[in-house]
Structures are given as structure tokens and as C-alpha cells.
PDB file of N, CA and C in Angstrom:
ATOM      1  N   MET A   1      12.880  -5.003 -11.237  1.00  0.00           N
ATOM      2  CA  MET A   1      13.391  -3.859 -11.963  1.00  0.00           C
ATOM      3  C   MET A   1      12.330  -3.376 -12.948  1.00  0.00           C
ATOM      4  N   ARG A   2      12.190  -2.104 -13.053  1.00  0.00           N
ATOM      5  CA  ARG A   2      11.205  -1.529 -13.966  1.00  0.00           C
ATOM      6  C   ARG A   2      11.711  -1.555 -15.394  1.00  0.00           C
ATOM      7  N   SER A   3      10.770  -1.641 -16.304  1.00  0.00           N
ATOM      8  CA  SER A   3      11.139  -1.527 -17.713  1.00  0.00           C
ATOM      9  C   SER A   3      11.353  -0.047 -18.019  1.00  0.00           C
ATOM     10  N   PRO A   4      12.059   0.277 -19.094  1.00  0.00           N
ATOM     11  CA  PRO A   4      12.279   1.694 -19.435  1.00  0.00           C
ATOM     12  C   PRO A   4      10.987   2.460 -19.690  1.00  0.00           C
ATOM     13  N   ASP A   5       9.904   1.745 -19.998  1.00  0.00           N
ATOM     14  CA  ASP A   5       8.636   2.409 -20.291  1.00  0.00           C
ATOM     15  C   ASP A   5       7.847   2.767 -19.039  1.00  0.00           C
ATOM     16  N   GLU A   6       8.243   2.227 -17.888  1.00  0.00           N
ATOM     17  CA  GLU A   6       7.498   2.477 -16.658  1.00  0.00           C
ATOM     18  C   GLU A   6       8.048   3.707 -15.941  1.00  0.00           C
ATOM     19  N   ALA A   7       7.166   4.393 -15.286  1.00  0.00           N
ATOM     20  CA  ALA A   7       7.570   5.562 -14.508  1.00  0.00           C
ATOM     21  C   ALA A   7       6.686   5.657 -13.283  1.00  0.00           C
ATOM     22  N   THR A   8       7.184   6.291 -12.264  1.00  0.00           N
ATOM     23  CA  THR A   8       6.418   6.497 -11.049  1.00  0.00           C
ATOM     24  C   THR A   8       6.303   7.992 -10.810  1.00  0.00           C
ATOM     25  N   ALA A   9       5.098   8.433 -10.557  1.00  0.00           N
ATOM     26  CA  ALA A   9       4.875   9.836 -10.222  1.00  0.00           C
ATOM     27  C   ALA A   9       4.330   9.884  -8.808  1.00  0.00           C
ATOM     28  N   GLU A  10       5.015  10.575  -7.935  1.00  0.00           N
ATOM     29  CA  GLU A  10       4.565  10.684  -6.559  1.00  0.00           C
ATOM     30  C   GLU A  10       4.114  12.117  -6.320  1.00  0.00           C
ATOM     31  N   VAL A  11       2.932  12.246  -5.747  1.00  0.00           N
ATOM     32  CA  VAL A  11       2.407  13.571  -5.446  1.00  0.00           C
ATOM     33  C   VAL A  11       2.142  13.656  -3.959  1.00  0.00           C
ATOM     34  N   SER A  12       2.257  14.833  -3.399  1.00  0.00           N
ATOM     35  CA  SER A  12       2.078  14.997  -1.963  1.00  0.00           C
ATOM     36  C   SER A  12       0.608  15.049  -1.560  1.00  0.00           C
ATOM     37  N   ARG A  13      -0.257  15.305  -2.506  1.00  0.00           N
ATOM     38  CA  ARG A  13      -1.696  15.313  -2.228  1.00  0.00           C
ATOM     39  C   ARG A  13      -2.422  14.888  -3.501  1.00  0.00           C
ATOM     40  N   PRO A  14      -3.641  14.378  -3.366  1.00  0.00           N
ATOM     41  CA  PRO A  14      -4.389  13.953  -4.555  1.00  0.00           C
ATOM     42  C   PRO A  14      -4.601  15.114  -5.524  1.00  0.00           C
ATOM     43  N   CYS A  15      -4.353  14.872  -6.770  1.00  0.00           N
ATOM     44  CA  CYS A  15      -4.547  15.877  -7.813  1.00  0.00           C
ATOM     45  C   CYS A  15      -5.538  15.325  -8.831  1.00  0.00           C
ATOM     46  N   PRO A  16      -6.743  15.864  -8.870  1.00  0.00           N
ATOM     47  CA  PRO A  16      -7.731  15.364  -9.831  1.00  0.00           C
ATOM     48  C   PRO A  16      -7.169  15.353 -11.246  1.00  0.00           C
ATOM     49  N   GLY A  17      -7.332  14.236 -11.922  1.00  0.00           N
ATOM     50  CA  GLY A  17      -6.882  14.117 -13.294  1.00  0.00           C
ATOM     51  C   GLY A  17      -5.419  13.747 -13.463  1.00  0.00           C
ATOM     52  N   HIS A  18      -4.644  13.781 -12.399  1.00  0.00           N
ATOM     53  CA  HIS A  18      -3.211  13.485 -12.497  1.00  0.00           C
ATOM     54  C   HIS A  18      -2.982  12.070 -13.022  1.00  0.00           C
ATOM     55  N   ALA A  19      -3.671  11.095 -12.464  1.00  0.00           N
ATOM     56  CA  ALA A  19      -3.500   9.706 -12.908  1.00  0.00           C
ATOM     57  C   ALA A  19      -3.934   9.543 -14.360  1.00  0.00           C
ATOM     58  N   ASP A  20      -5.064  10.130 -14.718  1.00  0.00           N
ATOM     59  CA  ASP A  20      -5.541  10.032 -16.100  1.00  0.00           C
ATOM     60  C   ASP A  20      -4.537  10.628 -17.083  1.00  0.00           C
ATOM     61  N   ARG A  21      -3.950  11.718 -16.694  1.00  0.00           N
ATOM     62  CA  ARG A  21      -2.988  12.403 -17.564  1.00  0.00           C
ATOM     63  C   ARG A  21      -1.815  11.499 -17.923  1.00  0.00           C
ATOM     64  N   PHE A  22      -1.422  10.638 -16.980  1.00  0.00           N
ATOM     65  CA  PHE A  22      -0.269   9.767 -17.196  1.00  0.00           C
ATOM     66  C   PHE A  22      -0.656   8.304 -17.414  1.00  0.00           C
ATOM     67  N   CYS A  23      -1.949   8.046 -17.672  1.00  0.00           N
ATOM     68  CA  CYS A  23      -2.437   6.667 -17.846  1.00  0.00           C
ATOM     69  C   CYS A  23      -2.003   5.803 -16.665  1.00  0.00           C
ATOM     70  N   ALA A  24      -2.133   6.344 -15.466  1.00  0.00           N
ATOM     71  CA  ALA A  24      -1.689   5.669 -14.247  1.00  0.00           C
ATOM     72  C   ALA A  24      -2.883   5.237 -13.408  1.00  0.00           C
ATOM     73  N   THR A  25      -2.618   4.413 -12.438  1.00  0.00           N
ATOM     74  CA  THR A  25      -3.640   3.974 -11.497  1.00  0.00           C
ATOM     75  C   THR A  25      -3.324   4.578 -10.136  1.00  0.00           C
ATOM     76  N   PRO A  26      -4.179   5.454  -9.633  1.00  0.00           N
ATOM     77  CA  PRO A  26      -3.910   6.045  -8.322  1.00  0.00           C
ATOM     78  C   PRO A  26      -4.121   5.013  -7.216  1.00  0.00           C
ATOM     79  N   PHE A  27      -3.319   5.088  -6.170  1.00  0.00           N
ATOM     80  CA  PHE A  27      -3.517   4.179  -5.046  1.00  0.00           C
ATOM     81  C   PHE A  27      -3.037   4.818  -3.754  1.00  0.00           C
ATOM     82  N   ASP A  28      -3.561   4.274  -2.678  1.00  0.00           N
ATOM     83  CA  ASP A  28      -3.202   4.679  -1.323  1.00  0.00           C
ATOM     84  C   ASP A  28      -3.538   6.136  -1.022  1.00  0.00           C
ATOM     85  N   ILE A  29      -4.596   6.635  -1.658  1.00  0.00           N
ATOM     86  CA  ILE A  29      -5.159   7.936  -1.327  1.00  0.00           C
ATOM     87  C   ILE A  29      -6.668   7.754  -1.196  1.00  0.00           C
ATOM     88  N   GLU A  30      -7.315   8.665  -0.518  1.00  0.00           N
ATOM     89  CA  GLU A  30      -8.755   8.540  -0.283  1.00  0.00           C
ATOM     90  C   GLU A  30      -9.553   8.558  -1.583  1.00  0.00           C
ATOM     91  N   GLU A  31     -10.654   7.831  -1.543  1.00  0.00           N
ATOM     92  CA  GLU A  31     -11.650   7.821  -2.610  1.00  0.00           C
ATOM     93  C   GLU A  31     -11.157   7.254  -3.941  1.00  0.00           C
ATOM     94  N   VAL A  32     -10.202   6.321  -3.893  1.00  0.00           N
ATOM     95  CA  VAL A  32      -9.818   5.578  -5.094  1.00  0.00           C
ATOM     96  C   VAL A  32      -9.960   4.095  -4.772  1.00  0.00           C
ATOM     97  N   TYR A  33      -9.996   3.267  -5.799  1.00  0.00           N
ATOM     98  CA  TYR A  33     -10.220   1.834  -5.609  1.00  0.00           C
ATOM     99  C   TYR A  33      -9.140   1.189  -4.748  1.00  0.00           C
ATOM    100  N   TRP A  34      -7.875   1.459  -5.062  1.00  0.00           N
ATOM    101  CA  TRP A  34      -6.770   0.867  -4.315  1.00  0.00           C
ATOM    102  C   TRP A  34      -6.419   1.763  -3.137  1.00  0.00           C
ATOM    103  N   SER A  35      -7.140   1.598  -2.052  1.00  0.00           N
ATOM    104  CA  SER A  35      -6.918   2.416  -0.872  1.00  0.00           C
ATOM    105  C   SER A  35      -7.339   1.647   0.367  1.00  0.00           C
ATOM    106  N   HIS A  36      -7.188   2.261   1.509  1.00  0.00           N
ATOM    107  CA  HIS A  36      -7.617   1.650   2.764  1.00  0.00           C
ATOM    108  C   HIS A  36      -9.124   1.420   2.725  1.00  0.00           C
ATOM    109  N   ARG A  37      -9.542   0.326   3.346  1.00  0.00           N
ATOM    110  CA  ARG A  37     -10.968   0.023   3.492  1.00  0.00           C
ATOM    111  C   ARG A  37     -11.188  -0.477   4.909  1.00  0.00           C
ATOM    112  N   GLY A  38     -11.888   0.331   5.677  1.00  0.00           N
ATOM    113  CA  GLY A  38     -12.108  -0.040   7.075  1.00  0.00           C
ATOM    114  C   GLY A  38     -10.779  -0.157   7.802  1.00  0.00           C
ATOM    115  N   GLU A  39     -10.538  -1.301   8.440  1.00  0.00           N
ATOM    116  CA  GLU A  39      -9.299  -1.540   9.185  1.00  0.00           C
ATOM    117  C   GLU A  39      -8.150  -2.001   8.287  1.00  0.00           C
ATOM    118  N   LEU A  40      -8.440  -2.284   7.029  1.00  0.00           N
ATOM    119  CA  LEU A  40      -7.429  -2.840   6.124  1.00  0.00           C
ATOM    120  C   LEU A  40      -6.679  -1.743   5.377  1.00  0.00           C
ATOM    121  N   CYS A  41      -5.387  -1.982   5.131  1.00  0.00           N
ATOM    122  CA  CYS A  41      -4.604  -1.021   4.355  1.00  0.00           C
ATOM    123  C   CYS A  41      -4.581  -1.450   2.889  1.00  0.00           C
ATOM    124  N   THR A  42      -4.018  -0.618   2.054  1.00  0.00           N
ATOM    125  CA  THR A  42      -3.992  -0.875   0.616  1.00  0.00           C
ATOM    126  C   THR A  42      -3.334  -2.213   0.291  1.00  0.00           C
ATOM    127  N   PHE A  43      -2.274  -2.563   0.999  1.00  0.00           N
ATOM    128  CA  PHE A  43      -1.597  -3.839   0.741  1.00  0.00           C
ATOM    129  C   PHE A  43      -2.543  -5.007   1.010  1.00  0.00           C
ATOM    130  N   ASP A  44      -3.311  -4.944   2.103  1.00  0.00           N
ATOM    131  CA  ASP A  44      -4.313  -5.984   2.388  1.00  0.00           C
ATOM    132  C   ASP A  44      -5.278  -6.133   1.217  1.00  0.00           C
ATOM    133  N   ILE A  45      -5.751  -5.011   0.715  1.00  0.00           N
ATOM    134  CA  ILE A  45      -6.728  -5.009  -0.374  1.00  0.00           C
ATOM    135  C   ILE A  45      -6.128  -5.653  -1.619  1.00  0.00           C
ATOM    136  N   MET A  46      -4.900  -5.308  -1.941  1.00  0.00           N
ATOM    137  CA  MET A  46      -4.254  -5.873  -3.129  1.00  0.00           C
ATOM    138  C   MET A  46      -4.031  -7.380  -2.987  1.00  0.00           C
ATOM    139  N   VAL A  47      -3.603  -7.820  -1.813  1.00  0.00           N
ATOM    140  CA  VAL A  47      -3.422  -9.261  -1.580  1.00  0.00           C
ATOM    141  C   VAL A  47      -4.739  -9.986  -1.817  1.00  0.00           C
ATOM    142  N   ASP A  48      -5.820  -9.438  -1.290  1.00  0.00           N
ATOM    143  CA  ASP A  48      -7.137 -10.062  -1.453  1.00  0.00           C
ATOM    144  C   ASP A  48      -7.606 -10.028  -2.908  1.00  0.00           C
ATOM    145  N   GLU A  49      -7.566  -8.861  -3.516  1.00  0.00           N
ATOM    146  CA  GLU A  49      -8.084  -8.693  -4.876  1.00  0.00           C
ATOM    147  C   GLU A  49      -7.313  -9.509  -5.917  1.00  0.00           C
ATOM    148  N   PHE A  50      -6.010  -9.674  -5.706  1.00  0.00           N
ATOM    149  CA  PHE A  50      -5.204 -10.444  -6.654  1.00  0.00           C
ATOM    150  C   PHE A  50      -5.129 -11.929  -6.292  1.00  0.00           C
ATOM    151  N   GLY A  51      -5.854 -12.337  -5.245  1.00  0.00           N
ATOM    152  CA  GLY A  51      -5.881 -13.744  -4.863  1.00  0.00           C
ATOM    153  C   GLY A  51      -4.543 -14.265  -4.363  1.00  0.00           C
ATOM    154  N   LEU A  52      -3.825 -13.438  -3.637  1.00  0.00           N
ATOM    155  CA  LEU A  52      -2.499 -13.814  -3.149  1.00  0.00           C
ATOM    156  C   LEU A  52      -2.508 -14.238  -1.686  1.00  0.00           C
ATOM    157  N   GLY A  53      -3.648 -14.694  -1.195  1.00  0.00           N
ATOM    158  CA  GLY A  53      -3.840 -14.971   0.218  1.00  0.00           C
ATOM    159  C   GLY A  53      -3.175 -16.215   0.772  1.00  0.00           C
ATOM    160  N   THR A  54      -1.897 -16.428   0.460  1.00  0.00           N
ATOM    161  CA  THR A  54      -1.159 -17.531   1.076  1.00  0.00           C
ATOM    162  C   THR A  54      -0.789 -17.130   2.499  1.00  0.00           C
ATOM    163  N   GLU A  55      -0.440 -18.091   3.315  1.00  0.00           N
ATOM    164  CA  GLU A  55      -0.095 -17.793   4.709  1.00  0.00           C
ATOM    165  C   GLU A  55       1.051 -16.779   4.816  1.00  0.00           C
ATOM    166  N   PRO A  56       2.146 -16.931   4.054  1.00  0.00           N
ATOM    167  CA  PRO A  56       3.217 -15.925   4.149  1.00  0.00           C
ATOM    168  C   PRO A  56       2.760 -14.522   3.724  1.00  0.00           C
ATOM    169  N   MET A  57       1.954 -14.436   2.679  1.00  0.00           N
ATOM    170  CA  MET A  57       1.479 -13.120   2.227  1.00  0.00           C
ATOM    171  C   MET A  57       0.528 -12.495   3.244  1.00  0.00           C
ATOM    172  N   LEU A  58      -0.320 -13.308   3.863  1.00  0.00           N
ATOM    173  CA  LEU A  58      -1.235 -12.780   4.879  1.00  0.00           C
ATOM    174  C   LEU A  58      -0.461 -12.288   6.099  1.00  0.00           C
ATOM    175  N   ARG A  59       0.611 -12.984   6.450  1.00  0.00           N
ATOM    176  CA  ARG A  59       1.459 -12.554   7.569  1.00  0.00           C
ATOM    177  C   ARG A  59       2.137 -11.220   7.222  1.00  0.00           C
ATOM    178  N   LEU A  60       2.669 -11.132   6.010  1.00  0.00           N
ATOM    179  CA  LEU A  60       3.296  -9.888   5.563  1.00  0.00           C
ATOM    180  C   LEU A  60       2.282  -8.749   5.543  1.00  0.00           C
ATOM    181  N   ALA A  61       1.072  -9.034   5.090  1.00  0.00           N
ATOM    182  CA  ALA A  61       0.013  -8.018   5.061  1.00  0.00           C
ATOM    183  C   ALA A  61      -0.290  -7.509   6.465  1.00  0.00           C
ATOM    184  N   THR A  62      -0.287  -8.399   7.442  1.00  0.00           N
ATOM    185  CA  THR A  62      -0.540  -7.995   8.825  1.00  0.00           C
ATOM    186  C   THR A  62       0.563  -7.061   9.316  1.00  0.00           C
ATOM    187  N   ILE A  63       1.805  -7.395   9.013  1.00  0.00           N
ATOM    188  CA  ILE A  63       2.938  -6.554   9.419  1.00  0.00           C
ATOM    189  C   ILE A  63       2.843  -5.179   8.758  1.00  0.00           C
ATOM    190  N   ILE A  64       2.580  -5.162   7.474  1.00  0.00           N
ATOM    191  CA  ILE A  64       2.477  -3.893   6.746  1.00  0.00           C
ATOM    192  C   ILE A  64       1.296  -3.075   7.247  1.00  0.00           C
ATOM    193  N   ARG A  65       0.156  -3.732   7.501  1.00  0.00           N
ATOM    194  CA  ARG A  65      -1.019  -3.016   8.018  1.00  0.00           C
ATOM    195  C   ARG A  65      -0.693  -2.337   9.340  1.00  0.00           C
ATOM    196  N   GLY A  66      -0.021  -3.046  10.231  1.00  0.00           N
ATOM    197  CA  GLY A  66       0.332  -2.473  11.527  1.00  0.00           C
ATOM    198  C   GLY A  66       1.192  -1.232  11.385  1.00  0.00           C
ATOM    199  N   ALA A  67       2.186  -1.304  10.506  1.00  0.00           N
ATOM    200  CA  ALA A  67       3.083  -0.163  10.307  1.00  0.00           C
ATOM    201  C   ALA A  67       2.396   0.973   9.555  1.00  0.00           C
ATOM    202  N   ASP A  68       1.638   0.633   8.530  1.00  0.00           N
ATOM    203  CA  ASP A  68       1.004   1.650   7.684  1.00  0.00           C
ATOM    204  C   ASP A  68      -0.084   2.421   8.417  1.00  0.00           C
ATOM    205  N   THR A  69      -0.752   1.765   9.340  1.00  0.00           N
ATOM    206  CA  THR A  69      -1.843   2.416  10.064  1.00  0.00           C
ATOM    207  C   THR A  69      -1.418   2.874  11.459  1.00  0.00           C
ATOM    208  N   SER A  70      -0.120   2.780  11.740  1.00  0.00           N
ATOM    209  CA  SER A  70       0.430   3.143  13.056  1.00  0.00           C
ATOM    210  C   SER A  70      -0.202   2.342  14.184  1.00  0.00           C
ATOM    211  N   ARG A  71      -0.636   1.126  13.876  1.00  0.00           N
ATOM    212  CA  ARG A  71      -1.172   0.218  14.896  1.00  0.00           C
ATOM    213  C   ARG A  71      -0.134  -0.867  15.129  1.00  0.00           C
ATOM    214  N   LEU A  72       0.915  -0.500  15.825  1.00  0.00           N
ATOM    215  CA  LEU A  72       2.020  -1.418  16.028  1.00  0.00           C
ATOM    216  C   LEU A  72       1.648  -2.597  16.914  1.00  0.00           C
ATOM    217  N   ASP A  73       0.469  -2.559  17.523  1.00  0.00           N
ATOM    218  CA  ASP A  73      -0.010  -3.682  18.326  1.00  0.00           C
ATOM    219  C   ASP A  73      -0.510  -4.831  17.448  1.00  0.00           C
ATOM    220  N   VAL A  74      -0.750  -4.594  16.175  1.00  0.00           N
ATOM    221  CA  VAL A  74      -1.289  -5.608  15.264  1.00  0.00           C
ATOM    222  C   VAL A  74      -0.288  -6.739  15.074  1.00  0.00           C
ATOM    223  N   ALA A  75       0.988  -6.399  14.927  1.00  0.00           N
ATOM    224  CA  ALA A  75       2.042  -7.402  14.763  1.00  0.00           C
ATOM    225  C   ALA A  75       3.340  -6.825  15.321  1.00  0.00           C
ATOM    226  N   PRO A  76       4.049  -7.587  16.146  1.00  0.00           N
ATOM    227  CA  PRO A  76       5.304  -7.076  16.716  1.00  0.00           C
ATOM    228  C   PRO A  76       6.308  -6.633  15.650  1.00  0.00           C
ATOM    229  N   ASP A  77       6.297  -7.294  14.496  1.00  0.00           N
ATOM    230  CA  ASP A  77       7.236  -6.959  13.426  1.00  0.00           C
ATOM    231  C   ASP A  77       6.937  -5.613  12.775  1.00  0.00           C
ATOM    232  N   SER A  78       5.765  -5.075  12.980  1.00  0.00           N
ATOM    233  CA  SER A  78       5.394  -3.795  12.366  1.00  0.00           C
ATOM    234  C   SER A  78       6.338  -2.680  12.787  1.00  0.00           C
ATOM    235  N   HIS A  79       6.763  -2.706  14.040  1.00  0.00           N
ATOM    236  CA  HIS A  79       7.658  -1.667  14.544  1.00  0.00           C
ATOM    237  C   HIS A  79       8.992  -1.709  13.799  1.00  0.00           C
ATOM    238  N   GLY A  80       9.542  -2.894  13.588  1.00  0.00           N
ATOM    239  CA  GLY A  80      10.807  -3.038  12.869  1.00  0.00           C
ATOM    240  C   GLY A  80      10.705  -2.564  11.436  1.00  0.00           C
ATOM    241  N   ARG A  81       9.595  -2.854  10.801  1.00  0.00           N
ATOM    242  CA  ARG A  81       9.383  -2.413   9.418  1.00  0.00           C
ATOM    243  C   ARG A  81       9.368  -0.894   9.367  1.00  0.00           C
ATOM    244  N   ASN A  82       8.739  -0.270  10.345  1.00  0.00           N
ATOM    245  CA  ASN A  82       8.696   1.192  10.402  1.00  0.00           C
ATOM    246  C   ASN A  82      10.097   1.779  10.541  1.00  0.00           C
ATOM    247  N   ILE A  83      10.917   1.179  11.387  1.00  0.00           N
ATOM    248  CA  ILE A  83      12.274   1.676  11.606  1.00  0.00           C
ATOM    249  C   ILE A  83      13.084   1.587  10.320  1.00  0.00           C
ATOM    250  N   VAL A  84      13.026   0.458   9.635  1.00  0.00           N
ATOM    251  CA  VAL A  84      13.798   0.251   8.407  1.00  0.00           C
ATOM    252  C   VAL A  84      13.376   1.225   7.313  1.00  0.00           C
ATOM    253  N   LEU A  85      12.084   1.418   7.114  1.00  0.00           N
ATOM    254  CA  LEU A  85      11.609   2.251   6.014  1.00  0.00           C
ATOM    255  C   LEU A  85      11.742   3.746   6.266  1.00  0.00           C
ATOM    256  N   LYS A  86      11.893   4.165   7.499  1.00  0.00           N
ATOM    257  CA  LYS A  86      11.977   5.597   7.785  1.00  0.00           C
ATOM    258  C   LYS A  86      13.414   6.098   7.806  1.00  0.00           C
ATOM    259  N   ARG A  87      14.370   5.235   7.573  1.00  0.00           N
ATOM    260  CA  ARG A  87      15.786   5.670   7.555  1.00  0.00           C
ATOM    261  C   ARG A  87      16.128   6.279   6.241  1.00  0.00           C
TER     262      ARG A  87
END
């Protein structure tokens, strides 16, 4: 659960200065630190950068990568994750 001081701003396209204006950290858009790198999705990057590379987290990262990059061949569970989140 978020604290009352936290807020989320979602934008449909990158807006220069938007994150700075709200003291926020942009992610999952091109040309920012927290974004896709090569074959890896943002979740993969965060798991690695925060040192969360346990076997369950790496498995979850694989599932999320498959769904996020539309590469459902990466993990069979990726398709199910896509179905649940798009409802």
C-alpha cells in the first residue's frame, strides 16, 4: 500500500522534464536508466541492480520479460500473465 505522500503519474509518451517536475524517477521508456537493455526488460534490470537475483525472482523476471516483450516463447507462463493483466 502506498503512503499518502506517494503518487503515480502515468504519461502516454515521454515528456521531457515531467519526472523532474514531480521529483520522480522515469522508467520503462527509452533513454532512461530504468528501461529495457538489449533482450532484457525493465523488471530484469531492476532485479539485477537491486541484487534480487534469487531463483524465484529470476523465474518471475523470465515470465515478465516474455510478456513485456511479446516473446511468449521465453516462458510458457508469459501468455497467462498477459491474459490476466489485459483484462
